[in-house]
Amino acid sequence: MTAADYRPPRWLRNAHVQSVLGSSPLRRRHGERSLAATGAQTTVHLVDAGEGVRLQGLHSTVPGREPHGLALLLHGWEGSVDSSYMRLTAAELLQRGFEVFRLNFRDHGETHHLNEALFHSNRIDEVVRAACEVAARFVRRPLTVAGYSLGGNFALRLALRARAAGLPLAHVAAVCPVLDPARTMEAMEQGFPLYLWYFERKWRRSLARKRELFPASHDFDDRTLGLRMRPLTQWMVERHTDFGTLDHYFDGYSIAGDRLTALDVPASILMAADDPVIPVEGFRALSLPPSVQLEIAPWGGHCGFLQGARLDGFAERWVADRLVAAAAAA
């Protein structure tokens, strides 16, 4: 199954309809029901991510079945292990004989209490260490990784560091990954205002929760919380990172241009040409090694790829196809 096979009905060929329905309460309930229908047992785990950092994740496996492999799933910014695409991807993989570990990034889901310092998108080292801990705890080979949006960016950066970390990755799949954060910020500022409002609202709630839990460390006032996305990000960079400037911070987690040329883990990337959040032009300018396959579908919005009124997702099936094929080859 490739991007060319994705042909949604005409009423679903609008990028905003795809993006909004993709993160709607209806689809969240669909994901919850689909995961429950697998009969999988799910347990909560705290993962040692090094340097005192603790991350939380959910491990799911179907009782009485010997898994074909382990899939680590990474969510997008201000998503969580319970995002609809995470549950639906887990359900698809469980049905195909995998066990699945869904990892929450720092300050995502209900995990703000686990670490005092704030989440930011350059915290790749703790995700690498967490992936190594998950691989050691659930010794299941082959090990594969999939991520959506910012989680796709993390998945590809994890793959770039896998060999040095001793992490035996068989394949990485990324759906609508953030390539160039500066261009993504511009796209949200210049595009349909719903997306900027959506992420600002969720981030403000996250920061307010952090202030409530750690008032001595996070004593910012409501005026700070009221800032728009760009000045709020600059405030976070200047006060809670060592990057100094917004440009240096964005550059720190960019994977645009030729930054993926050193990737030595087989990888698959799925992108929608009409993504309203992440500009597709950056994907057409990528320099990729032969082991990385890029597929661009005409439709799909941002991490939508809905197939019909049932709100089933093409992207979740696409991810499962890639990871199952990698497990079979291994």
Protein backbone atom coordinates (compact mmCIF):
# COMPACT_ATOMS: atom_id res chain seq x y z
CA MET A 1 0.00 0.00 0.00
CA THR A 2 1.43 3.37 -1.06
CA ALA A 3 0.34 7.00 -1.02
CA ALA A 4 -1.03 6.50 -4.54
CA ASP A 5 -3.63 4.13 -3.07
CA TYR A 6 -5.08 6.84 -0.83
CA ARG A 7 -8.16 8.20 -2.57
CA PRO A 8 -10.65 9.60 -0.04
CA PRO A 9 -14.22 10.50 -1.07
CA ARG A 10 -14.64 14.01 -2.46
CA TRP A 11 -16.10 15.41 0.74
CA LEU A 12 -12.87 14.42 2.52
CA ARG A 13 -10.52 16.07 0.03
CA ASN A 14 -10.37 19.30 1.98
CA ALA A 15 -7.25 19.73 4.12
CA HIS A 16 -9.08 21.50 6.96
CA VAL A 17 -11.84 18.89 7.12
CA GLN A 18 -9.17 16.17 7.28
CA SER A 19 -7.13 17.94 9.96
CA VAL A 20 -10.05 18.90 12.19
CA LEU A 21 -11.89 15.57 11.98
CA GLY A 22 -8.60 13.76 12.51
CA SER A 23 -8.28 15.20 16.02
CA SER A 24 -12.02 15.34 16.82
CA PRO A 25 -13.72 13.72 19.84
CA LEU A 26 -15.47 11.36 17.40
CA ARG A 27 -12.16 9.98 16.21
CA ARG A 28 -10.77 9.78 19.74
CA ARG A 29 -13.71 7.56 20.68
CA HIS A 30 -13.15 5.50 17.54
CA GLY A 31 -9.53 5.00 18.58
CA GLU A 32 -10.52 4.01 22.11
CA ARG A 33 -13.05 1.44 20.85
CA SER A 34 -10.66 0.03 18.24
CA LEU A 35 -7.90 -0.49 20.80
CA ALA A 36 -10.29 -2.12 23.28
CA ALA A 37 -11.52 -4.49 20.56
CA THR A 38 -8.05 -6.02 20.18
CA GLY A 39 -8.31 -7.62 23.62
CA ALA A 40 -4.83 -6.35 24.47
CA GLN A 41 -3.61 -5.97 28.03
CA THR A 42 -2.14 -2.51 28.64
CA THR A 43 0.13 -1.59 31.56
CA VAL A 44 1.57 1.75 32.65
CA HIS A 45 5.35 2.05 32.91
CA LEU A 46 7.76 4.70 34.19
CA VAL A 47 10.88 4.81 32.04
CA ASP A 48 14.30 5.97 33.22
CA ALA A 49 15.41 8.49 30.59
CA GLY A 50 18.71 9.33 32.32
CA GLU A 51 19.90 12.33 34.35
CA GLY A 52 16.95 11.95 36.70
CA VAL A 53 14.35 12.28 33.94
CA ARG A 54 11.32 10.01 34.09
CA LEU A 55 8.94 9.45 31.20
CA GLN A 56 5.72 7.49 31.17
CA GLY A 57 4.44 5.05 28.60
CA LEU A 58 1.88 2.34 27.96
CA HIS A 59 2.82 -1.19 26.94
CA SER A 60 0.17 -3.27 25.14
CA THR A 61 0.25 -6.92 24.14
CA VAL A 62 -2.38 -9.54 23.26
CA PRO A 63 -2.35 -12.39 25.82
CA GLY A 64 -1.47 -15.83 24.54
CA ARG A 65 0.17 -14.58 21.36
CA GLU A 66 3.89 -14.54 20.60
CA PRO A 67 4.56 -11.06 19.16
CA HIS A 68 6.34 -10.61 15.84
CA GLY A 69 8.16 -7.53 17.14
CA LEU A 70 7.96 -4.40 19.27
CA ALA A 71 6.77 -1.03 17.94
CA LEU A 72 7.55 2.21 19.78
CA LEU A 73 5.04 4.97 18.96
CA LEU A 74 5.68 8.72 19.39
CA HIS A 75 2.92 11.33 19.43
CA GLY A 76 2.88 14.92 18.18
CA TRP A 77 3.27 18.16 20.11
CA GLU A 78 0.58 18.54 22.80
CA GLY A 79 -0.73 15.09 21.89
CA SER A 80 -0.30 12.04 24.10
CA VAL A 81 -0.36 8.26 24.19
CA ASP A 82 -4.16 8.56 24.06
CA SER A 83 -4.31 10.62 20.85
CA SER A 84 -6.59 8.99 18.28
CA TYR A 85 -3.78 8.23 15.81
CA MET A 86 -1.73 6.63 18.60
CA ARG A 87 -4.56 4.33 19.67
CA LEU A 88 -5.55 3.48 16.10
CA THR A 89 -1.95 2.71 15.10
CA ALA A 90 -1.52 0.59 18.21
CA ALA A 91 -4.74 -1.28 17.40
CA GLU A 92 -3.62 -1.93 13.82
CA LEU A 93 -0.23 -3.23 14.95
CA LEU A 94 -1.69 -5.38 17.73
CA GLN A 95 -4.07 -6.98 15.24
CA ARG A 96 -1.07 -7.80 13.06
CA GLY A 97 0.82 -9.54 15.83
CA PHE A 98 3.00 -6.79 17.35
CA GLU A 99 3.37 -5.61 20.90
CA VAL A 100 3.31 -1.83 21.24
CA PHE A 101 4.84 0.76 23.55
CA ARG A 102 3.33 4.26 23.40
CA LEU A 103 5.66 6.84 24.96
CA ASN A 104 4.57 10.17 26.43
CA PHE A 105 7.05 12.99 25.95
CA ARG A 106 7.85 15.09 29.01
CA ASP A 107 4.84 17.24 30.08
CA HIS A 108 2.44 15.40 27.76
CA GLY A 109 -0.59 13.46 28.84
CA GLU A 110 -0.91 13.68 32.61
CA THR A 111 2.84 13.57 33.27
CA HIS A 112 3.71 17.15 34.19
CA HIS A 113 4.52 16.09 37.74
CA LEU A 114 7.30 13.69 36.74
CA ASN A 115 9.93 16.32 35.85
CA GLU A 116 10.47 19.87 37.05
CA ALA A 117 11.99 21.36 33.89
CA LEU A 118 9.81 22.18 30.89
CA PHE A 119 9.48 20.14 27.72
CA HIS A 120 11.00 21.55 24.55
CA SER A 121 11.56 20.05 21.14
CA ASN A 122 15.32 19.66 21.46
CA ARG A 123 15.03 17.13 24.29
CA ILE A 124 16.00 14.30 21.94
CA ASP A 125 18.61 12.79 24.28
CA GLU A 126 16.04 11.76 26.87
CA VAL A 127 13.88 10.17 24.18
CA VAL A 128 16.89 8.20 22.89
CA ARG A 129 17.66 6.99 26.42
CA ALA A 130 13.98 6.14 26.98
CA ALA A 131 13.92 4.12 23.74
CA CYS A 132 17.00 2.19 24.90
CA GLU A 133 15.33 1.51 28.26
CA VAL A 134 12.15 0.28 26.54
CA ALA A 135 14.20 -1.98 24.25
CA ALA A 136 16.02 -3.43 27.27
CA ARG A 137 12.84 -3.90 29.29
CA PHE A 138 10.88 -5.61 26.50
CA VAL A 139 13.47 -7.70 24.71
CA ARG A 140 11.51 -8.20 21.54
CA ARG A 141 13.11 -8.08 18.12
CA PRO A 142 12.80 -6.55 15.67
CA LEU A 143 12.35 -3.09 17.18
CA THR A 144 10.58 -0.48 15.05
CA VAL A 145 9.52 3.13 15.64
CA ALA A 146 6.74 5.29 14.25
CA GLY A 147 5.85 8.92 14.93
CA TYR A 148 3.37 11.59 13.88
CA SER A 149 4.09 15.31 13.33
CA LEU A 150 6.64 16.34 16.00
CA GLY A 151 6.75 12.65 16.95
CA GLY A 152 7.81 11.91 13.37
CA ASN A 153 10.60 14.45 13.74
CA PHE A 154 11.69 12.77 16.99
CA ALA A 155 11.48 9.33 15.36
CA LEU A 156 13.80 10.34 12.52
CA ARG A 157 16.26 12.03 14.90
CA LEU A 158 16.14 8.92 17.08
CA ALA A 159 17.07 6.87 14.02
CA LEU A 160 20.00 9.21 13.29
CA ARG A 161 21.34 8.47 16.79
CA ALA A 162 20.39 4.80 17.01
CA ARG A 163 23.71 3.26 16.05
CA ALA A 164 25.71 5.40 18.48
CA ALA A 165 23.21 4.59 21.24
CA GLY A 166 23.33 0.86 20.53
CA LEU A 167 19.65 0.82 19.62
CA PRO A 168 18.89 -1.94 17.07
CA LEU A 169 16.19 -0.29 14.95
CA ALA A 170 14.81 -2.26 12.01
CA HIS A 171 12.66 0.52 10.54
CA VAL A 172 11.27 3.99 11.22
CA ALA A 173 7.99 5.36 9.86
CA ALA A 174 7.12 9.06 10.07
CA VAL A 175 3.79 10.68 9.17
CA CYS A 176 3.79 14.42 8.40
CA PRO A 177 7.02 14.97 10.38
CA VAL A 178 8.10 18.49 11.27
CA LEU A 179 11.06 19.24 8.97
CA ASP A 180 11.87 22.92 9.36
CA PRO A 181 10.36 24.35 12.57
CA ALA A 182 10.84 27.95 11.42
CA ARG A 183 8.79 27.31 8.28
CA THR A 184 6.15 25.46 10.31
CA MET A 185 5.81 28.49 12.60
CA GLU A 186 5.43 30.78 9.58
CA ALA A 187 2.84 28.48 8.02
CA MET A 188 0.71 28.57 11.16
CA GLU A 189 1.05 32.35 11.50
CA GLN A 190 0.09 32.98 7.88
CA GLY A 191 -2.48 30.22 7.44
CA PHE A 192 -5.94 29.38 8.72
CA PRO A 193 -5.94 30.77 12.31
CA LEU A 194 -7.59 27.70 13.84
CA TYR A 195 -4.32 25.76 14.05
CA LEU A 196 -2.37 28.50 15.83
CA TRP A 197 -5.26 28.98 18.27
CA TYR A 198 -5.47 25.22 18.89
CA PHE A 199 -1.78 24.79 19.74
CA GLU A 200 -1.58 28.02 21.74
CA ARG A 201 -4.55 26.96 23.86
CA LYS A 202 -3.12 23.51 24.59
CA TRP A 203 0.37 24.82 25.33
CA ARG A 204 -0.95 27.50 27.70
CA ARG A 205 -2.84 24.83 29.63
CA SER A 206 0.30 22.72 29.84
CA LEU A 207 2.38 25.66 31.12
CA ALA A 208 -0.32 26.60 33.64
CA ARG A 209 -0.27 23.04 34.96
CA LYS A 210 3.50 23.17 35.28
CA ARG A 211 3.28 26.45 37.24
CA GLU A 212 0.70 24.91 39.55
CA LEU A 213 2.95 21.92 40.29
CA PHE A 214 6.29 23.75 40.57
CA PRO A 215 5.53 27.37 41.58
CA ALA A 216 9.05 28.06 42.84
CA SER A 217 10.62 27.17 39.48
CA HIS A 218 7.87 28.43 37.21
CA ASP A 219 6.67 31.73 38.63
CA PHE A 220 5.67 33.35 35.31
CA ASP A 221 2.54 35.48 35.33
CA ASP A 222 -0.65 35.35 33.28
CA ARG A 223 0.69 38.00 30.89
CA THR A 224 3.34 35.50 29.82
CA LEU A 225 0.69 32.84 29.31
CA GLY A 226 -1.24 35.32 27.16
CA LEU A 227 1.58 35.73 24.64
CA ARG A 228 1.09 34.52 21.08
CA MET A 229 2.98 31.50 19.80
CA ARG A 230 6.17 33.18 18.55
CA PRO A 231 6.87 35.45 21.56
CA LEU A 232 5.87 32.66 23.95
CA THR A 233 8.32 30.29 22.25
CA GLN A 234 11.02 32.96 22.40
CA TRP A 235 10.32 33.45 26.12
CA MET A 236 10.68 29.69 26.67
CA VAL A 237 13.90 29.51 24.64
CA GLU A 238 15.53 32.45 26.45
CA ARG A 239 14.60 31.32 29.97
CA HIS A 240 14.49 27.55 29.79
CA THR A 241 17.08 26.49 27.21
CA ASP A 242 20.71 27.18 26.36
CA PHE A 243 19.99 28.07 22.73
CA GLY A 244 19.80 31.82 23.28
CA THR A 245 17.80 32.71 20.19
CA LEU A 246 14.71 31.39 18.47
CA ASP A 247 16.68 30.73 15.27
CA HIS A 248 19.24 28.57 17.09
CA TYR A 249 16.47 26.69 18.85
CA PHE A 250 14.61 25.96 15.61
CA ASP A 251 17.85 24.94 13.92
CA GLY A 252 18.53 22.52 16.78
CA TYR A 253 15.72 20.17 15.81
CA SER A 254 15.42 20.86 12.10
CA ILE A 255 15.80 17.83 9.82
CA ALA A 256 15.38 19.79 6.59
CA GLY A 257 17.67 19.85 3.57
CA ASP A 258 20.49 17.32 3.80
CA ARG A 259 20.23 16.51 7.52
CA LEU A 260 18.82 13.05 6.90
CA THR A 261 21.53 12.00 4.44
CA ALA A 262 23.43 10.22 7.24
CA LEU A 263 20.39 8.10 8.15
CA ASP A 264 21.46 4.45 8.13
CA VAL A 265 18.18 2.98 9.41
CA PRO A 266 15.57 2.08 6.75
CA ALA A 267 12.82 4.66 6.94
CA SER A 268 9.50 5.58 5.35
CA ILE A 269 7.96 9.05 5.31
CA LEU A 270 4.32 9.82 4.46
CA MET A 271 3.33 13.41 3.75
CA ALA A 272 0.20 15.15 2.46
CA ALA A 273 0.66 17.77 -0.25
CA ASP A 274 -2.15 19.83 1.30
CA ASP A 275 -0.87 19.77 4.91
CA PRO A 276 -1.91 23.19 6.30
CA VAL A 277 0.64 23.11 9.14
CA ILE A 278 3.83 21.70 7.61
CA PRO A 279 4.75 23.04 4.13
CA VAL A 280 5.23 20.26 1.59
CA GLU A 281 7.93 22.18 -0.31
CA GLY A 282 10.51 21.18 2.27
CA PHE A 283 9.91 17.50 1.53
CA ARG A 284 10.49 17.96 -2.18
CA ALA A 285 13.86 19.56 -1.37
CA LEU A 286 15.05 16.76 0.94
CA SER A 287 18.29 14.92 0.28
CA LEU A 288 17.64 11.33 1.29
CA PRO A 289 19.73 8.14 1.23
CA PRO A 290 18.47 5.17 -0.82
CA SER A 291 17.19 3.46 2.34
CA VAL A 292 14.59 6.20 2.93
CA GLN A 293 11.33 6.20 0.98
CA LEU A 294 9.29 9.42 0.74
CA GLU A 295 5.64 9.25 -0.32
CA ILE A 296 3.49 12.35 -0.88
CA ALA A 297 -0.28 11.96 -1.15
CA PRO A 298 -2.39 14.71 -2.76
CA TRP A 299 -4.74 14.78 0.24
CA GLY A 300 -4.64 14.05 3.95
CA GLY A 301 -4.29 17.38 5.74
CA HIS A 302 -2.15 17.33 8.86
CA CYS A 303 -2.00 13.74 10.12
CA GLY A 304 -5.56 13.13 8.93
CA PHE A 305 -5.62 10.71 5.99
CA LEU A 306 -9.22 9.76 6.81
CA GLN A 307 -10.82 7.25 4.47
CA GLY A 308 -14.54 7.72 5.04
CA ALA A 309 -17.40 8.38 7.44
CA ARG A 310 -16.14 5.71 9.88
CA LEU A 311 -13.03 7.90 10.33
CA ASP A 312 -10.67 4.99 9.72
CA GLY A 313 -7.18 6.21 8.84
CA PHE A 314 -5.01 5.37 5.87
CA ALA A 315 -1.88 6.55 7.75
CA GLU A 316 -2.30 4.01 10.54
CA ARG A 317 -2.57 1.17 8.00
CA TRP A 318 0.38 2.60 6.06
CA VAL A 319 2.52 2.65 9.21
CA ALA A 320 1.53 -0.91 10.11
CA ASP A 321 2.32 -2.10 6.57
CA ARG A 322 5.83 -0.62 6.76
CA LEU A 323 6.62 -2.00 10.21
CA VAL A 324 5.17 -5.44 9.48
CA ALA A 325 7.21 -5.66 6.28
CA ALA A 326 10.36 -4.67 8.18
CA ALA A 327 9.69 -7.34 10.82
CA ALA A 328 9.19 -9.98 8.15
CA ALA A 329 12.42 -9.01 6.43
CA ALA A 330 14.30 -9.12 9.74
